[in-house]
Amino acid sequence: MSNKDLDTLFKEAFANAQLVPQESVPQDIQLVLYGLYKQATSGESNISIQNPQDLINAFKLNAWIQVKHLTIDEAKQKYIDIINELMRERNL
């Protein structure tokens, strides 16, 4: 698969993610998707906590750190796979 194909599929998956009711997705999966999205769109970068007292951002940072070993293309593919599965499960 070429990068353009993967990029197109990733953009489609991101658009489809907006169709999945957020309350129907477990929070752990939401965090995985967040981490994959950040990795897919930003790649490995200097990840730091701005405010360690902010629990939500700490969880988001942790989700990103969990997938920082993935390449951008691997993160995109995993994101696509999860969104497609969520869409199938919800008949969307």
PDB file of N, CA and C in Angstrom:
ATOM      1  N   MET A   1       0.856  -1.181   0.000  1.00  0.00           N
ATOM      2  CA  MET A   1       0.000   0.000   0.000  1.00  0.00           C
ATOM      3  C   MET A   1       0.897   1.237   0.000  1.00  0.00           C
ATOM      4  N   SER A   2       0.616   2.173  -0.846  1.00  0.00           N
ATOM      5  CA  SER A   2       1.414   3.388  -0.893  1.00  0.00           C
ATOM      6  C   SER A   2       1.037   4.303   0.259  1.00  0.00           C
ATOM      7  N   ASN A   3       1.939   5.253   0.536  1.00  0.00           N
ATOM      8  CA  ASN A   3       1.665   6.207   1.616  1.00  0.00           C
ATOM      9  C   ASN A   3       0.410   7.011   1.325  1.00  0.00           C
ATOM     10  N   LYS A   4       0.198   7.361   0.063  1.00  0.00           N
ATOM     11  CA  LYS A   4      -0.990   8.144  -0.273  1.00  0.00           C
ATOM     12  C   LYS A   4      -2.257   7.357   0.048  1.00  0.00           C
ATOM     13  N   ASP A   5      -2.246   6.083  -0.275  1.00  0.00           N
ATOM     14  CA  ASP A   5      -3.401   5.253   0.044  1.00  0.00           C
ATOM     15  C   ASP A   5      -3.640   5.211   1.549  1.00  0.00           C
ATOM     16  N   LEU A   6      -2.588   5.028   2.309  1.00  0.00           N
ATOM     17  CA  LEU A   6      -2.706   4.965   3.762  1.00  0.00           C
ATOM     18  C   LEU A   6      -3.182   6.308   4.316  1.00  0.00           C
ATOM     19  N   ASP A   7      -2.631   7.396   3.780  1.00  0.00           N
ATOM     20  CA  ASP A   7      -3.053   8.729   4.230  1.00  0.00           C
ATOM     21  C   ASP A   7      -4.533   8.962   3.953  1.00  0.00           C
ATOM     22  N   THR A   8      -4.988   8.533   2.791  1.00  0.00           N
ATOM     23  CA  THR A   8      -6.403   8.687   2.445  1.00  0.00           C
ATOM     24  C   THR A   8      -7.272   7.865   3.380  1.00  0.00           C
ATOM     25  N   LEU A   9      -6.875   6.622   3.624  1.00  0.00           N
ATOM     26  CA  LEU A   9      -7.634   5.763   4.532  1.00  0.00           C
ATOM     27  C   LEU A   9      -7.646   6.328   5.949  1.00  0.00           C
ATOM     28  N   PHE A  10      -6.525   6.910   6.371  1.00  0.00           N
ATOM     29  CA  PHE A  10      -6.442   7.507   7.705  1.00  0.00           C
ATOM     30  C   PHE A  10      -7.391   8.696   7.820  1.00  0.00           C
ATOM     31  N   LYS A  11      -7.407   9.543   6.806  1.00  0.00           N
ATOM     32  CA  LYS A  11      -8.314  10.699   6.820  1.00  0.00           C
ATOM     33  C   LYS A  11      -9.768  10.245   6.842  1.00  0.00           C
ATOM     34  N   GLU A  12     -10.076   9.202   6.092  1.00  0.00           N
ATOM     35  CA  GLU A  12     -11.439   8.659   6.091  1.00  0.00           C
ATOM     36  C   GLU A  12     -11.789   8.087   7.457  1.00  0.00           C
ATOM     37  N   ALA A  13     -10.843   7.387   8.079  1.00  0.00           N
ATOM     38  CA  ALA A  13     -11.080   6.814   9.407  1.00  0.00           C
ATOM     39  C   ALA A  13     -11.315   7.921  10.422  1.00  0.00           C
ATOM     40  N   PHE A  14     -10.546   9.015  10.326  1.00  0.00           N
ATOM     41  CA  PHE A  14     -10.743  10.128  11.250  1.00  0.00           C
ATOM     42  C   PHE A  14     -12.126  10.732  11.066  1.00  0.00           C
ATOM     43  N   ALA A  15     -12.556  10.891   9.827  1.00  0.00           N
ATOM     44  CA  ALA A  15     -13.908  11.413   9.564  1.00  0.00           C
ATOM     45  C   ALA A  15     -14.959  10.448  10.097  1.00  0.00           C
ATOM     46  N   ASN A  16     -14.746   9.148   9.903  1.00  0.00           N
ATOM     47  CA  ASN A  16     -15.689   8.149  10.404  1.00  0.00           C
ATOM     48  C   ASN A  16     -15.736   8.118  11.928  1.00  0.00           C
ATOM     49  N   ALA A  17     -14.627   8.435  12.561  1.00  0.00           N
ATOM     50  CA  ALA A  17     -14.585   8.437  14.030  1.00  0.00           C
ATOM     51  C   ALA A  17     -15.589   9.431  14.597  1.00  0.00           C
ATOM     52  N   GLN A  18     -15.855  10.492  13.850  1.00  0.00           N
ATOM     53  CA  GLN A  18     -16.812  11.501  14.311  1.00  0.00           C
ATOM     54  C   GLN A  18     -18.234  10.960  14.312  1.00  0.00           C
ATOM     55  N   LEU A  19     -18.470   9.874  13.568  1.00  0.00           N
ATOM     56  CA  LEU A  19     -19.806   9.272  13.484  1.00  0.00           C
ATOM     57  C   LEU A  19     -20.079   8.297  14.629  1.00  0.00           C
ATOM     58  N   VAL A  20     -19.029   7.855  15.287  1.00  0.00           N
ATOM     59  CA  VAL A  20     -19.170   6.891  16.390  1.00  0.00           C
ATOM     60  C   VAL A  20     -19.496   7.666  17.661  1.00  0.00           C
ATOM     61  N   PRO A  21     -20.632   7.371  18.297  1.00  0.00           N
ATOM     62  CA  PRO A  21     -20.967   8.082  19.539  1.00  0.00           C
ATOM     63  C   PRO A  21     -19.877   7.872  20.592  1.00  0.00           C
ATOM     64  N   GLN A  22     -19.327   8.965  21.071  1.00  0.00           N
ATOM     65  CA  GLN A  22     -18.207   8.903  22.011  1.00  0.00           C
ATOM     66  C   GLN A  22     -18.556   8.091  23.254  1.00  0.00           C
ATOM     67  N   GLU A  23     -19.794   8.226  23.727  1.00  0.00           N
ATOM     68  CA  GLU A  23     -20.187   7.519  24.946  1.00  0.00           C
ATOM     69  C   GLU A  23     -20.258   6.008  24.737  1.00  0.00           C
ATOM     70  N   SER A  24     -20.254   5.561  23.485  1.00  0.00           N
ATOM     71  CA  SER A  24     -20.310   4.119  23.219  1.00  0.00           C
ATOM     72  C   SER A  24     -18.919   3.485  23.159  1.00  0.00           C
ATOM     73  N   VAL A  25     -17.887   4.309  23.241  1.00  0.00           N
ATOM     74  CA  VAL A  25     -16.512   3.806  23.162  1.00  0.00           C
ATOM     75  C   VAL A  25     -15.898   3.846  24.553  1.00  0.00           C
ATOM     76  N   PRO A  26     -15.437   2.699  25.056  1.00  0.00           N
ATOM     77  CA  PRO A  26     -14.819   2.678  26.382  1.00  0.00           C
ATOM     78  C   PRO A  26     -13.652   3.667  26.457  1.00  0.00           C
ATOM     79  N   GLN A  27     -13.447   4.233  27.642  1.00  0.00           N
ATOM     80  CA  GLN A  27     -12.416   5.250  27.798  1.00  0.00           C
ATOM     81  C   GLN A  27     -11.019   4.737  27.466  1.00  0.00           C
ATOM     82  N   ASP A  28     -10.751   3.467  27.760  1.00  0.00           N
ATOM     83  CA  ASP A  28      -9.421   2.947  27.438  1.00  0.00           C
ATOM     84  C   ASP A  28      -9.194   2.923  25.930  1.00  0.00           C
ATOM     85  N   ILE A  29     -10.235   2.628  25.159  1.00  0.00           N
ATOM     86  CA  ILE A  29     -10.129   2.636  23.703  1.00  0.00           C
ATOM     87  C   ILE A  29     -10.000   4.078  23.196  1.00  0.00           C
ATOM     88  N   GLN A  30     -10.715   5.000  23.819  1.00  0.00           N
ATOM     89  CA  GLN A  30     -10.584   6.408  23.447  1.00  0.00           C
ATOM     90  C   GLN A  30      -9.140   6.870  23.638  1.00  0.00           C
ATOM     91  N   LEU A  31      -8.518   6.435  24.733  1.00  0.00           N
ATOM     92  CA  LEU A  31      -7.134   6.825  24.985  1.00  0.00           C
ATOM     93  C   LEU A  31      -6.183   6.183  23.983  1.00  0.00           C
ATOM     94  N   VAL A  32      -6.430   4.939  23.632  1.00  0.00           N
ATOM     95  CA  VAL A  32      -5.601   4.279  22.613  1.00  0.00           C
ATOM     96  C   VAL A  32      -5.709   5.047  21.300  1.00  0.00           C
ATOM     97  N   LEU A  33      -6.937   5.386  20.923  1.00  0.00           N
ATOM     98  CA  LEU A  33      -7.138   6.142  19.682  1.00  0.00           C
ATOM     99  C   LEU A  33      -6.429   7.493  19.736  1.00  0.00           C
ATOM    100  N   TYR A  34      -6.494   8.146  20.871  1.00  0.00           N
ATOM    101  CA  TYR A  34      -5.805   9.430  21.038  1.00  0.00           C
ATOM    102  C   TYR A  34      -4.305   9.252  20.820  1.00  0.00           C
ATOM    103  N   GLY A  35      -3.725   8.264  21.478  1.00  0.00           N
ATOM    104  CA  GLY A  35      -2.295   8.029  21.351  1.00  0.00           C
ATOM    105  C   GLY A  35      -1.899   7.706  19.921  1.00  0.00           C
ATOM    106  N   LEU A  36      -2.686   6.850  19.272  1.00  0.00           N
ATOM    107  CA  LEU A  36      -2.397   6.492  17.881  1.00  0.00           C
ATOM    108  C   LEU A  36      -2.517   7.713  16.967  1.00  0.00           C
ATOM    109  N   TYR A  37      -3.538   8.531  17.201  1.00  0.00           N
ATOM    110  CA  TYR A  37      -3.722   9.735  16.383  1.00  0.00           C
ATOM    111  C   TYR A  37      -2.531  10.681  16.547  1.00  0.00           C
ATOM    112  N   LYS A  38      -2.126  10.898  17.792  1.00  0.00           N
ATOM    113  CA  LYS A  38      -0.989  11.788  18.038  1.00  0.00           C
ATOM    114  C   LYS A  38       0.271  11.244  17.385  1.00  0.00           C
ATOM    115  N   GLN A  39       0.493   9.953  17.499  1.00  0.00           N
ATOM    116  CA  GLN A  39       1.679   9.349  16.902  1.00  0.00           C
ATOM    117  C   GLN A  39       1.605   9.423  15.376  1.00  0.00           C
ATOM    118  N   ALA A  40       0.423   9.176  14.839  1.00  0.00           N
ATOM    119  CA  ALA A  40       0.249   9.187  13.383  1.00  0.00           C
ATOM    120  C   ALA A  40       0.396  10.580  12.788  1.00  0.00           C
ATOM    121  N   THR A  41       0.011  11.594  13.549  1.00  0.00           N
ATOM    122  CA  THR A  41       0.047  12.951  13.008  1.00  0.00           C
ATOM    123  C   THR A  41       1.271  13.747  13.437  1.00  0.00           C
ATOM    124  N   SER A  42       1.900  13.328  14.523  1.00  0.00           N
ATOM    125  CA  SER A  42       3.041  14.080  15.033  1.00  0.00           C
ATOM    126  C   SER A  42       4.330  13.281  15.022  1.00  0.00           C
ATOM    127  N   GLY A  43       4.201  11.960  15.034  1.00  0.00           N
ATOM    128  CA  GLY A  43       5.386  11.134  15.129  1.00  0.00           C
ATOM    129  C   GLY A  43       6.014  11.257  16.500  1.00  0.00           C
ATOM    130  N   GLU A  44       7.159  10.680  16.626  1.00  0.00           N
ATOM    131  CA  GLU A  44       7.852  10.752  17.916  1.00  0.00           C
ATOM    132  C   GLU A  44       8.419  12.151  18.083  1.00  0.00           C
ATOM    133  N   SER A  45       8.075  12.769  19.161  1.00  0.00           N
ATOM    134  CA  SER A  45       8.563  14.119  19.413  1.00  0.00           C
ATOM    135  C   SER A  45       8.875  14.255  20.890  1.00  0.00           C
ATOM    136  N   ASN A  46       9.253  15.432  21.269  1.00  0.00           N
ATOM    137  CA  ASN A  46       9.517  15.688  22.679  1.00  0.00           C
ATOM    138  C   ASN A  46       8.191  15.744  23.416  1.00  0.00           C
ATOM    139  N   ILE A  47       7.894  14.686  24.113  1.00  0.00           N
ATOM    140  CA  ILE A  47       6.641  14.585  24.843  1.00  0.00           C
ATOM    141  C   ILE A  47       6.912  15.030  26.271  1.00  0.00           C
ATOM    142  N   SER A  48       6.141  15.988  26.727  1.00  0.00           N
ATOM    143  CA  SER A  48       6.315  16.432  28.100  1.00  0.00           C
ATOM    144  C   SER A  48       4.971  16.822  28.685  1.00  0.00           C
ATOM    145  N   ILE A  49       4.901  16.715  29.987  1.00  0.00           N
ATOM    146  CA  ILE A  49       3.680  17.103  30.698  1.00  0.00           C
ATOM    147  C   ILE A  49       3.790  18.583  31.028  1.00  0.00           C
ATOM    148  N   GLN A  50       2.794  19.327  30.624  1.00  0.00           N
ATOM    149  CA  GLN A  50       2.783  20.760  30.920  1.00  0.00           C
ATOM    150  C   GLN A  50       2.435  21.003  32.379  1.00  0.00           C
ATOM    151  N   ASN A  51       1.435  20.273  32.842  1.00  0.00           N
ATOM    152  CA  ASN A  51       0.969  20.441  34.208  1.00  0.00           C
ATOM    153  C   ASN A  51       0.736  19.049  34.791  1.00  0.00           C
ATOM    154  N   PRO A  52       1.683  18.530  35.580  1.00  0.00           N
ATOM    155  CA  PRO A  52       1.539  17.166  36.082  1.00  0.00           C
ATOM    156  C   PRO A  52       0.314  16.971  36.984  1.00  0.00           C
ATOM    157  N   GLN A  53      -0.305  18.046  37.418  1.00  0.00           N
ATOM    158  CA  GLN A  53      -1.490  17.941  38.262  1.00  0.00           C
ATOM    159  C   GLN A  53      -2.744  17.664  37.430  1.00  0.00           C
ATOM    160  N   ASP A  54      -2.649  17.828  36.135  1.00  0.00           N
ATOM    161  CA  ASP A  54      -3.784  17.644  35.245  1.00  0.00           C
ATOM    162  C   ASP A  54      -3.892  16.163  34.880  1.00  0.00           C
ATOM    163  N   LEU A  55      -4.780  15.472  35.539  1.00  0.00           N
ATOM    164  CA  LEU A  55      -4.906  14.023  35.392  1.00  0.00           C
ATOM    165  C   LEU A  55      -5.302  13.609  33.977  1.00  0.00           C
ATOM    166  N   ILE A  56      -6.205  14.333  33.365  1.00  0.00           N
ATOM    167  CA  ILE A  56      -6.641  13.982  32.012  1.00  0.00           C
ATOM    168  C   ILE A  56      -5.465  14.043  31.045  1.00  0.00           C
ATOM    169  N   ASN A  57      -4.685  15.117  31.101  1.00  0.00           N
ATOM    170  CA  ASN A  57      -3.536  15.234  30.211  1.00  0.00           C
ATOM    171  C   ASN A  57      -2.472  14.193  30.532  1.00  0.00           C
ATOM    172  N   ALA A  58      -2.377  13.799  31.782  1.00  0.00           N
ATOM    173  CA  ALA A  58      -1.429  12.744  32.152  1.00  0.00           C
ATOM    174  C   ALA A  58      -1.838  11.420  31.499  1.00  0.00           C
ATOM    175  N   PHE A  59      -3.122  11.106  31.495  1.00  0.00           N
ATOM    176  CA  PHE A  59      -3.603   9.892  30.838  1.00  0.00           C
ATOM    177  C   PHE A  59      -3.370   9.966  29.327  1.00  0.00           C
ATOM    178  N   LYS A  60      -3.626  11.141  28.744  1.00  0.00           N
ATOM    179  CA  LYS A  60      -3.403  11.310  27.307  1.00  0.00           C
ATOM    180  C   LYS A  60      -1.919  11.135  26.971  1.00  0.00           C
ATOM    181  N   LEU A  61      -1.069  11.748  27.771  1.00  0.00           N
ATOM    182  CA  LEU A  61       0.362  11.616  27.555  1.00  0.00           C
ATOM    183  C   LEU A  61       0.782  10.151  27.658  1.00  0.00           C
ATOM    184  N   ASN A  62       0.282   9.457  28.646  1.00  0.00           N
ATOM    185  CA  ASN A  62       0.604   8.046  28.817  1.00  0.00           C
ATOM    186  C   ASN A  62       0.149   7.237  27.598  1.00  0.00           C
ATOM    187  N   ALA A  63      -1.038   7.543  27.074  1.00  0.00           N
ATOM    188  CA  ALA A  63      -1.535   6.832  25.896  1.00  0.00           C
ATOM    189  C   ALA A  63      -0.604   7.042  24.710  1.00  0.00           C
ATOM    190  N   TRP A  64      -0.080   8.235  24.569  1.00  0.00           N
ATOM    191  CA  TRP A  64       0.836   8.525  23.472  1.00  0.00           C
ATOM    192  C   TRP A  64       2.171   7.810  23.680  1.00  0.00           C
ATOM    193  N   ILE A  65       2.671   7.861  24.908  1.00  0.00           N
ATOM    194  CA  ILE A  65       3.937   7.199  25.217  1.00  0.00           C
ATOM    195  C   ILE A  65       3.844   5.700  24.939  1.00  0.00           C
ATOM    196  N   GLN A  66       2.675   5.109  25.194  1.00  0.00           N
ATOM    197  CA  GLN A  66       2.482   3.673  24.979  1.00  0.00           C
ATOM    198  C   GLN A  66       2.682   3.271  23.521  1.00  0.00           C
ATOM    199  N   VAL A  67       2.458   4.191  22.589  1.00  0.00           N
ATOM    200  CA  VAL A  67       2.556   3.848  21.160  1.00  0.00           C
ATOM    201  C   VAL A  67       3.693   4.581  20.451  1.00  0.00           C
ATOM    202  N   LYS A  68       4.543   5.258  21.193  1.00  0.00           N
ATOM    203  CA  LYS A  68       5.591   6.047  20.541  1.00  0.00           C
ATOM    204  C   LYS A  68       6.615   5.189  19.807  1.00  0.00           C
ATOM    205  N   HIS A  69       6.637   3.893  20.086  1.00  0.00           N
ATOM    206  CA  HIS A  69       7.554   2.992  19.371  1.00  0.00           C
ATOM    207  C   HIS A  69       7.079   2.680  17.958  1.00  0.00           C
ATOM    208  N   LEU A  70       5.813   3.001  17.656  1.00  0.00           N
ATOM    209  CA  LEU A  70       5.257   2.737  16.330  1.00  0.00           C
ATOM    210  C   LEU A  70       5.714   3.794  15.337  1.00  0.00           C
ATOM    211  N   THR A  71       5.882   3.361  14.092  1.00  0.00           N
ATOM    212  CA  THR A  71       6.132   4.346  13.048  1.00  0.00           C
ATOM    213  C   THR A  71       4.826   5.092  12.782  1.00  0.00           C
ATOM    214  N   ILE A  72       4.924   6.178  12.058  1.00  0.00           N
ATOM    215  CA  ILE A  72       3.721   6.932  11.706  1.00  0.00           C
ATOM    216  C   ILE A  72       2.764   6.046  10.926  1.00  0.00           C
ATOM    217  N   ASP A  73       3.282   5.288   9.962  1.00  0.00           N
ATOM    218  CA  ASP A  73       2.419   4.419   9.156  1.00  0.00           C
ATOM    219  C   ASP A  73       1.783   3.316  10.001  1.00  0.00           C
ATOM    220  N   GLU A  74       2.523   2.746  10.935  1.00  0.00           N
ATOM    221  CA  GLU A  74       1.956   1.712  11.810  1.00  0.00           C
ATOM    222  C   GLU A  74       0.842   2.288  12.677  1.00  0.00           C
ATOM    223  N   ALA A  75       1.055   3.495  13.199  1.00  0.00           N
ATOM    224  CA  ALA A  75       0.034   4.139  14.026  1.00  0.00           C
ATOM    225  C   ALA A  75      -1.221   4.430  13.198  1.00  0.00           C
ATOM    226  N   LYS A  76      -1.031   4.895  11.977  1.00  0.00           N
ATOM    227  CA  LYS A  76      -2.181   5.160  11.104  1.00  0.00           C
ATOM    228  C   LYS A  76      -2.966   3.878  10.861  1.00  0.00           C
ATOM    229  N   GLN A  77      -2.263   2.790  10.559  1.00  0.00           N
ATOM    230  CA  GLN A  77      -2.942   1.530  10.262  1.00  0.00           C
ATOM    231  C   GLN A  77      -3.703   1.013  11.470  1.00  0.00           C
ATOM    232  N   LYS A  78      -3.115   1.091  12.657  1.00  0.00           N
ATOM    233  CA  LYS A  78      -3.803   0.624  13.862  1.00  0.00           C
ATOM    234  C   LYS A  78      -5.033   1.495  14.146  1.00  0.00           C
ATOM    235  N   TYR A  79      -4.913   2.803  13.943  1.00  0.00           N
ATOM    236  CA  TYR A  79      -6.039   3.711  14.125  1.00  0.00           C
ATOM    237  C   TYR A  79      -7.164   3.332  13.169  1.00  0.00           C
ATOM    238  N   ILE A  80      -6.819   3.123  11.907  1.00  0.00           N
ATOM    239  CA  ILE A  80      -7.808   2.733  10.889  1.00  0.00           C
ATOM    240  C   ILE A  80      -8.502   1.443  11.303  1.00  0.00           C
ATOM    241  N   ASP A  81      -7.727   0.457  11.742  1.00  0.00           N
ATOM    242  CA  ASP A  81      -8.283  -0.842  12.131  1.00  0.00           C
ATOM    243  C   ASP A  81      -9.279  -0.708  13.283  1.00  0.00           C
ATOM    244  N   ILE A  82      -8.940   0.086  14.286  1.00  0.00           N
ATOM    245  CA  ILE A  82      -9.825   0.250  15.447  1.00  0.00           C
ATOM    246  C   ILE A  82     -11.103   0.972  15.050  1.00  0.00           C
ATOM    247  N   ILE A  83     -10.974   2.045  14.278  1.00  0.00           N
ATOM    248  CA  ILE A  83     -12.168   2.791  13.852  1.00  0.00           C
ATOM    249  C   ILE A  83     -13.063   1.901  13.002  1.00  0.00           C
ATOM    250  N   ASN A  84     -12.480   1.151  12.087  1.00  0.00           N
ATOM    251  CA  ASN A  84     -13.290   0.260  11.250  1.00  0.00           C
ATOM    252  C   ASN A  84     -14.016  -0.778  12.101  1.00  0.00           C
ATOM    253  N   GLU A  85     -13.363  -1.297  13.120  1.00  0.00           N
ATOM    254  CA  GLU A  85     -14.006  -2.266  14.010  1.00  0.00           C
ATOM    255  C   GLU A  85     -15.142  -1.621  14.794  1.00  0.00           C
ATOM    256  N   LEU A  86     -14.917  -0.407  15.297  1.00  0.00           N
ATOM    257  CA  LEU A  86     -15.981   0.298  16.016  1.00  0.00           C
ATOM    258  C   LEU A  86     -17.185   0.553  15.101  1.00  0.00           C
ATOM    259  N   MET A  87     -16.906   0.909  13.863  1.00  0.00           N
ATOM    260  CA  MET A  87     -17.988   1.157  12.899  1.00  0.00           C
ATOM    261  C   MET A  87     -18.770  -0.132  12.648  1.00  0.00           C
ATOM    262  N   ARG A  88     -18.069  -1.256  12.466  1.00  0.00           N
ATOM    263  CA  ARG A  88     -18.742  -2.532  12.235  1.00  0.00           C
ATOM    264  C   ARG A  88     -19.595  -2.928  13.444  1.00  0.00           C
ATOM    265  N   GLU A  89     -19.037  -2.777  14.634  1.00  0.00           N
ATOM    266  CA  GLU A  89     -19.764  -3.161  15.855  1.00  0.00           C
ATOM    267  C   GLU A  89     -21.044  -2.358  16.028  1.00  0.00           C
ATOM    268  N   ARG A  90     -21.048  -1.125  15.547  1.00  0.00           N
ATOM    269  CA  ARG A  90     -22.201  -0.244  15.728  1.00  0.00           C
ATOM    270  C   ARG A  90     -23.060  -0.149  14.468  1.00  0.00           C
ATOM    271  N   ASN A  91     -22.748  -0.981  13.487  1.00  0.00           N
ATOM    272  CA  ASN A  91     -23.493  -1.000  12.219  1.00  0.00           C
ATOM    273  C   ASN A  91     -23.571   0.388  11.577  1.00  0.00           C
ATOM    274  N   LEU A  92     -22.451   1.085  11.582  1.00  0.00           N
ATOM    275  CA  LEU A  92     -22.398   2.420  10.981  1.00  0.00           C
ATOM    276  C   LEU A  92     -21.730   2.368   9.623  1.00  0.00           C
TER     277      LEU A  92
END
